[in-house]
């Protein structure tokens, strides 16, 4: 299996970390499970463009899945790109709250999340759209309430 991993360098737990060390950790984590990972670290405004490129490569057979590392906004951005196709989306919960990952019952630790992806566990989820913006978890108007 070969996956494209798109990490939002500014998301929650990824923000301020040594990106080269994070890439090495992820490459090793996937390799231990027999998965080749091509890792891209991007800023928030680059996420969709990277996802579109990865989707194009998946259509050509290069990637079996696209994995996103970030929070709920990052996951929604990539899910929006993939929503109209059949390319699986993996989630590495690297955000602050990770509601989407929690709602799906995904492990919140990196190793556990990589285990789920490497095992090829796939399930369909609903997406929604507001004003042309696809999202998978929540949509809000104004400021987000504190839970």
C-alpha atoms as a PDB file:
ATOM      1  CA  UNK A   1       0.000   0.000   0.000  1.00  0.00           C
ATOM      2  CA  UNK A   2       1.221   3.492  -0.846  1.00  0.00           C
ATOM      3  CA  UNK A   3      -0.381   6.542   0.761  1.00  0.00           C
ATOM      4  CA  UNK A   4       0.048  10.268   0.431  1.00  0.00           C
ATOM      5  CA  UNK A   5       0.140  11.879   3.876  1.00  0.00           C
ATOM      6  CA  UNK A   6      -0.687  15.588   3.985  1.00  0.00           C
ATOM      7  CA  UNK A   7       0.234  17.219   7.300  1.00  0.00           C
ATOM      8  CA  UNK A   8      -1.001  20.678   8.212  1.00  0.00           C
ATOM      9  CA  UNK A   9       2.099  22.156   9.827  1.00  0.00           C
ATOM     10  CA  UNK A  10       0.001  24.642  11.799  1.00  0.00           C
ATOM     11  CA  UNK A  11      -2.575  22.231  13.228  1.00  0.00           C
ATOM     12  CA  UNK A  12      -2.920  21.781  16.980  1.00  0.00           C
ATOM     13  CA  UNK A  13      -0.308  19.242  18.025  1.00  0.00           C
ATOM     14  CA  UNK A  14       1.770  19.677  14.840  1.00  0.00           C
ATOM     15  CA  UNK A  15       2.257  23.422  15.336  1.00  0.00           C
ATOM     16  CA  UNK A  16       5.770  24.339  16.374  1.00  0.00           C
ATOM     17  CA  UNK A  17       7.117  20.792  16.138  1.00  0.00           C
ATOM     18  CA  UNK A  18      10.247  19.855  14.256  1.00  0.00           C
ATOM     19  CA  UNK A  19       8.684  18.976  10.889  1.00  0.00           C
ATOM     20  CA  UNK A  20      11.627  16.853   9.759  1.00  0.00           C
ATOM     21  CA  UNK A  21      11.413  14.789  12.944  1.00  0.00           C
ATOM     22  CA  UNK A  22       7.634  14.436  12.477  1.00  0.00           C
ATOM     23  CA  UNK A  23       8.124  13.280   8.876  1.00  0.00           C
ATOM     24  CA  UNK A  24      10.730  10.729   9.939  1.00  0.00           C
ATOM     25  CA  UNK A  25       8.440   9.479  12.735  1.00  0.00           C
ATOM     26  CA  UNK A  26       5.513   9.074  10.352  1.00  0.00           C
ATOM     27  CA  UNK A  27       7.592   7.439   7.614  1.00  0.00           C
ATOM     28  CA  UNK A  28       8.894   4.933  10.170  1.00  0.00           C
ATOM     29  CA  UNK A  29       5.454   4.317  11.693  1.00  0.00           C
ATOM     30  CA  UNK A  30       3.948   3.513   8.299  1.00  0.00           C
ATOM     31  CA  UNK A  31       6.973   1.470   7.157  1.00  0.00           C
ATOM     32  CA  UNK A  32       6.781  -0.735  10.280  1.00  0.00           C
ATOM     33  CA  UNK A  33       3.276  -1.626   9.149  1.00  0.00           C
ATOM     34  CA  UNK A  34       4.250  -2.308   5.527  1.00  0.00           C
ATOM     35  CA  UNK A  35       2.933   0.967   4.124  1.00  0.00           C
ATOM     36  CA  UNK A  36       4.928   3.330   1.943  1.00  0.00           C
ATOM     37  CA  UNK A  37       4.130   6.918   2.876  1.00  0.00           C
ATOM     38  CA  UNK A  38       4.864   9.975   0.749  1.00  0.00           C
ATOM     39  CA  UNK A  39       4.640  12.839   3.216  1.00  0.00           C
ATOM     40  CA  UNK A  40       3.855  16.444   2.393  1.00  0.00           C
ATOM     41  CA  UNK A  41       3.912  19.185   5.035  1.00  0.00           C
ATOM     42  CA  UNK A  42       1.788  22.144   4.026  1.00  0.00           C
ATOM     43  CA  UNK A  43       0.389  25.340   5.440  1.00  0.00           C
ATOM     44  CA  UNK A  44      -3.358  25.846   5.773  1.00  0.00           C
ATOM     45  CA  UNK A  45      -3.784  27.613   2.448  1.00  0.00           C
ATOM     46  CA  UNK A  46      -1.876  24.862   0.597  1.00  0.00           C
ATOM     47  CA  UNK A  47      -3.867  21.906   1.961  1.00  0.00           C
ATOM     48  CA  UNK A  48      -6.571  21.776  -0.735  1.00  0.00           C
ATOM     49  CA  UNK A  49      -4.053  22.166  -3.553  1.00  0.00           C
ATOM     50  CA  UNK A  50      -1.928  19.328  -2.158  1.00  0.00           C
ATOM     51  CA  UNK A  51      -5.055  17.161  -1.785  1.00  0.00           C
ATOM     52  CA  UNK A  52      -6.064  17.858  -5.388  1.00  0.00           C
ATOM     53  CA  UNK A  53      -2.608  16.854  -6.590  1.00  0.00           C
ATOM     54  CA  UNK A  54      -2.662  13.697  -4.495  1.00  0.00           C
ATOM     55  CA  UNK A  55      -6.132  12.819  -5.780  1.00  0.00           C
ATOM     56  CA  UNK A  56      -4.872  13.184  -9.352  1.00  0.00           C
ATOM     57  CA  UNK A  57      -1.965  10.847  -8.546  1.00  0.00           C
ATOM     58  CA  UNK A  58      -4.352   8.379  -6.858  1.00  0.00           C
ATOM     59  CA  UNK A  59      -6.449   8.312 -10.036  1.00  0.00           C
ATOM     60  CA  UNK A  60      -3.277   7.386 -11.921  1.00  0.00           C
ATOM     61  CA  UNK A  61      -2.662   4.508  -9.496  1.00  0.00           C
ATOM     62  CA  UNK A  62       0.198   6.037  -7.518  1.00  0.00           C
ATOM     63  CA  UNK A  63      -1.637   6.237  -4.174  1.00  0.00           C
ATOM     64  CA  UNK A  64      -4.087   3.814  -2.605  1.00  0.00           C
ATOM     65  CA  UNK A  65      -5.330   6.367  -0.090  1.00  0.00           C
ATOM     66  CA  UNK A  66      -4.808   9.941   1.025  1.00  0.00           C
ATOM     67  CA  UNK A  67      -4.109  10.539   4.699  1.00  0.00           C
ATOM     68  CA  UNK A  68      -4.579  13.879   6.381  1.00  0.00           C
ATOM     69  CA  UNK A  69      -2.859  14.948   9.578  1.00  0.00           C
ATOM     70  CA  UNK A  70      -4.458  17.869  11.311  1.00  0.00           C
ATOM     71  CA  UNK A  71      -7.598  18.974  13.051  1.00  0.00           C
ATOM     72  CA  UNK A  72     -11.223  19.070  12.031  1.00  0.00           C
ATOM     73  CA  UNK A  73     -10.752  21.987   9.613  1.00  0.00           C
ATOM     74  CA  UNK A  74      -7.887  20.252   7.857  1.00  0.00           C
ATOM     75  CA  UNK A  75      -9.810  16.991   7.649  1.00  0.00           C
ATOM     76  CA  UNK A  76     -12.833  18.817   6.194  1.00  0.00           C
ATOM     77  CA  UNK A  77     -10.664  20.585   3.613  1.00  0.00           C
ATOM     78  CA  UNK A  78      -9.235  17.310   2.318  1.00  0.00           C
ATOM     79  CA  UNK A  79     -12.559  15.468   2.599  1.00  0.00           C
ATOM     80  CA  UNK A  80     -14.106  18.199   0.461  1.00  0.00           C
ATOM     81  CA  UNK A  81     -11.608  17.464  -2.289  1.00  0.00           C
ATOM     82  CA  UNK A  82     -12.165  13.696  -2.077  1.00  0.00           C
ATOM     83  CA  UNK A  83     -15.947  13.745  -1.560  1.00  0.00           C
ATOM     84  CA  UNK A  84     -16.925  13.139  -5.165  1.00  0.00           C
ATOM     85  CA  UNK A  85     -14.645  10.138  -5.691  1.00  0.00           C
ATOM     86  CA  UNK A  86     -13.692   6.765  -4.290  1.00  0.00           C
ATOM     87  CA  UNK A  87     -10.230   7.451  -2.888  1.00  0.00           C
ATOM     88  CA  UNK A  88     -10.135   6.525   0.810  1.00  0.00           C
ATOM     89  CA  UNK A  89      -9.235   9.190   3.363  1.00  0.00           C
ATOM     90  CA  UNK A  90      -7.169   8.300   6.418  1.00  0.00           C
ATOM     91  CA  UNK A  91      -7.056  10.526   9.486  1.00  0.00           C
ATOM     92  CA  UNK A  92      -4.122  11.281  11.781  1.00  0.00           C
ATOM     93  CA  UNK A  93      -5.638  13.288  14.654  1.00  0.00           C
ATOM     94  CA  UNK A  94      -3.088  16.089  15.000  1.00  0.00           C
ATOM     95  CA  UNK A  95      -5.527  18.870  15.806  1.00  0.00           C
ATOM     96  CA  UNK A  96      -6.507  20.493  19.050  1.00  0.00           C
ATOM     97  CA  UNK A  97      -9.890  18.833  19.613  1.00  0.00           C
ATOM     98  CA  UNK A  98     -10.126  16.148  16.901  1.00  0.00           C
ATOM     99  CA  UNK A  99     -13.913  15.852  17.101  1.00  0.00           C
ATOM    100  CA  UNK A 100     -14.173  13.998  13.774  1.00  0.00           C
ATOM    101  CA  UNK A 101     -11.658  11.347  14.827  1.00  0.00           C
ATOM    102  CA  UNK A 102     -13.352  10.989  18.216  1.00  0.00           C
ATOM    103  CA  UNK A 103     -16.798  10.681  16.628  1.00  0.00           C
ATOM    104  CA  UNK A 104     -15.494   7.819  14.479  1.00  0.00           C
ATOM    105  CA  UNK A 105     -13.856   6.131  17.455  1.00  0.00           C
ATOM    106  CA  UNK A 106     -10.394   6.446  15.924  1.00  0.00           C
ATOM    107  CA  UNK A 107      -7.371   6.110  18.185  1.00  0.00           C
ATOM    108  CA  UNK A 108      -6.020   9.523  19.128  1.00  0.00           C
ATOM    109  CA  UNK A 109      -2.416   8.338  19.394  1.00  0.00           C
ATOM    110  CA  UNK A 110      -0.297   8.351  16.266  1.00  0.00           C
ATOM    111  CA  UNK A 111       0.566   4.636  16.346  1.00  0.00           C
ATOM    112  CA  UNK A 112      -3.047   3.590  16.793  1.00  0.00           C
ATOM    113  CA  UNK A 113      -4.219   5.841  13.962  1.00  0.00           C
ATOM    114  CA  UNK A 114      -1.516   4.451  11.659  1.00  0.00           C
ATOM    115  CA  UNK A 115      -2.618   0.908  12.623  1.00  0.00           C
ATOM    116  CA  UNK A 116      -6.181   1.649  11.454  1.00  0.00           C
ATOM    117  CA  UNK A 117      -4.954   3.095   8.161  1.00  0.00           C
ATOM    118  CA  UNK A 118      -2.484   0.259   7.528  1.00  0.00           C
ATOM    119  CA  UNK A 119      -5.190  -2.331   8.206  1.00  0.00           C
ATOM    120  CA  UNK A 120      -7.296  -0.738   5.470  1.00  0.00           C
ATOM    121  CA  UNK A 121     -10.347  -0.159   7.654  1.00  0.00           C
ATOM    122  CA  UNK A 122     -12.756   1.823   5.502  1.00  0.00           C
ATOM    123  CA  UNK A 123     -16.192   3.149   6.289  1.00  0.00           C
ATOM    124  CA  UNK A 124     -18.385   5.636   4.548  1.00  0.00           C
ATOM    125  CA  UNK A 125     -19.323   8.874   6.238  1.00  0.00           C
ATOM    126  CA  UNK A 126     -21.778  11.563   5.305  1.00  0.00           C
ATOM    127  CA  UNK A 127     -20.632  14.936   4.074  1.00  0.00           C
ATOM    128  CA  UNK A 128     -22.613  18.140   4.057  1.00  0.00           C
ATOM    129  CA  UNK A 129     -22.322  21.396   2.177  1.00  0.00           C
ATOM    130  CA  UNK A 130     -23.041  24.989   3.107  1.00  0.00           C
ATOM    131  CA  UNK A 131     -22.542  27.748   0.531  1.00  0.00           C
ATOM    132  CA  UNK A 132     -20.432  25.431  -1.632  1.00  0.00           C
ATOM    133  CA  UNK A 133     -18.183  24.412   1.271  1.00  0.00           C
ATOM    134  CA  UNK A 134     -18.096  20.653   1.948  1.00  0.00           C
ATOM    135  CA  UNK A 135     -17.529  19.586   5.536  1.00  0.00           C
ATOM    136  CA  UNK A 136     -17.567  16.352   7.509  1.00  0.00           C
ATOM    137  CA  UNK A 137     -17.842  17.348  11.121  1.00  0.00           C
ATOM    138  CA  UNK A 138     -19.429  20.660  11.893  1.00  0.00           C
ATOM    139  CA  UNK A 139     -20.165  24.051  10.497  1.00  0.00           C
ATOM    140  CA  UNK A 140     -20.528  27.196  12.512  1.00  0.00           C
ATOM    141  CA  UNK A 141     -21.448  30.797  11.964  1.00  0.00           C
ATOM    142  CA  UNK A 142     -19.635  33.387  14.029  1.00  0.00           C
ATOM    143  CA  UNK A 143     -17.349  32.238  16.793  1.00  0.00           C
ATOM    144  CA  UNK A 144     -17.119  28.626  17.900  1.00  0.00           C
ATOM    145  CA  UNK A 145     -18.666  28.007  21.332  1.00  0.00           C
ATOM    146  CA  UNK A 146     -16.466  26.770  24.135  1.00  0.00           C
ATOM    147  CA  UNK A 147     -17.429  23.301  25.271  1.00  0.00           C
END
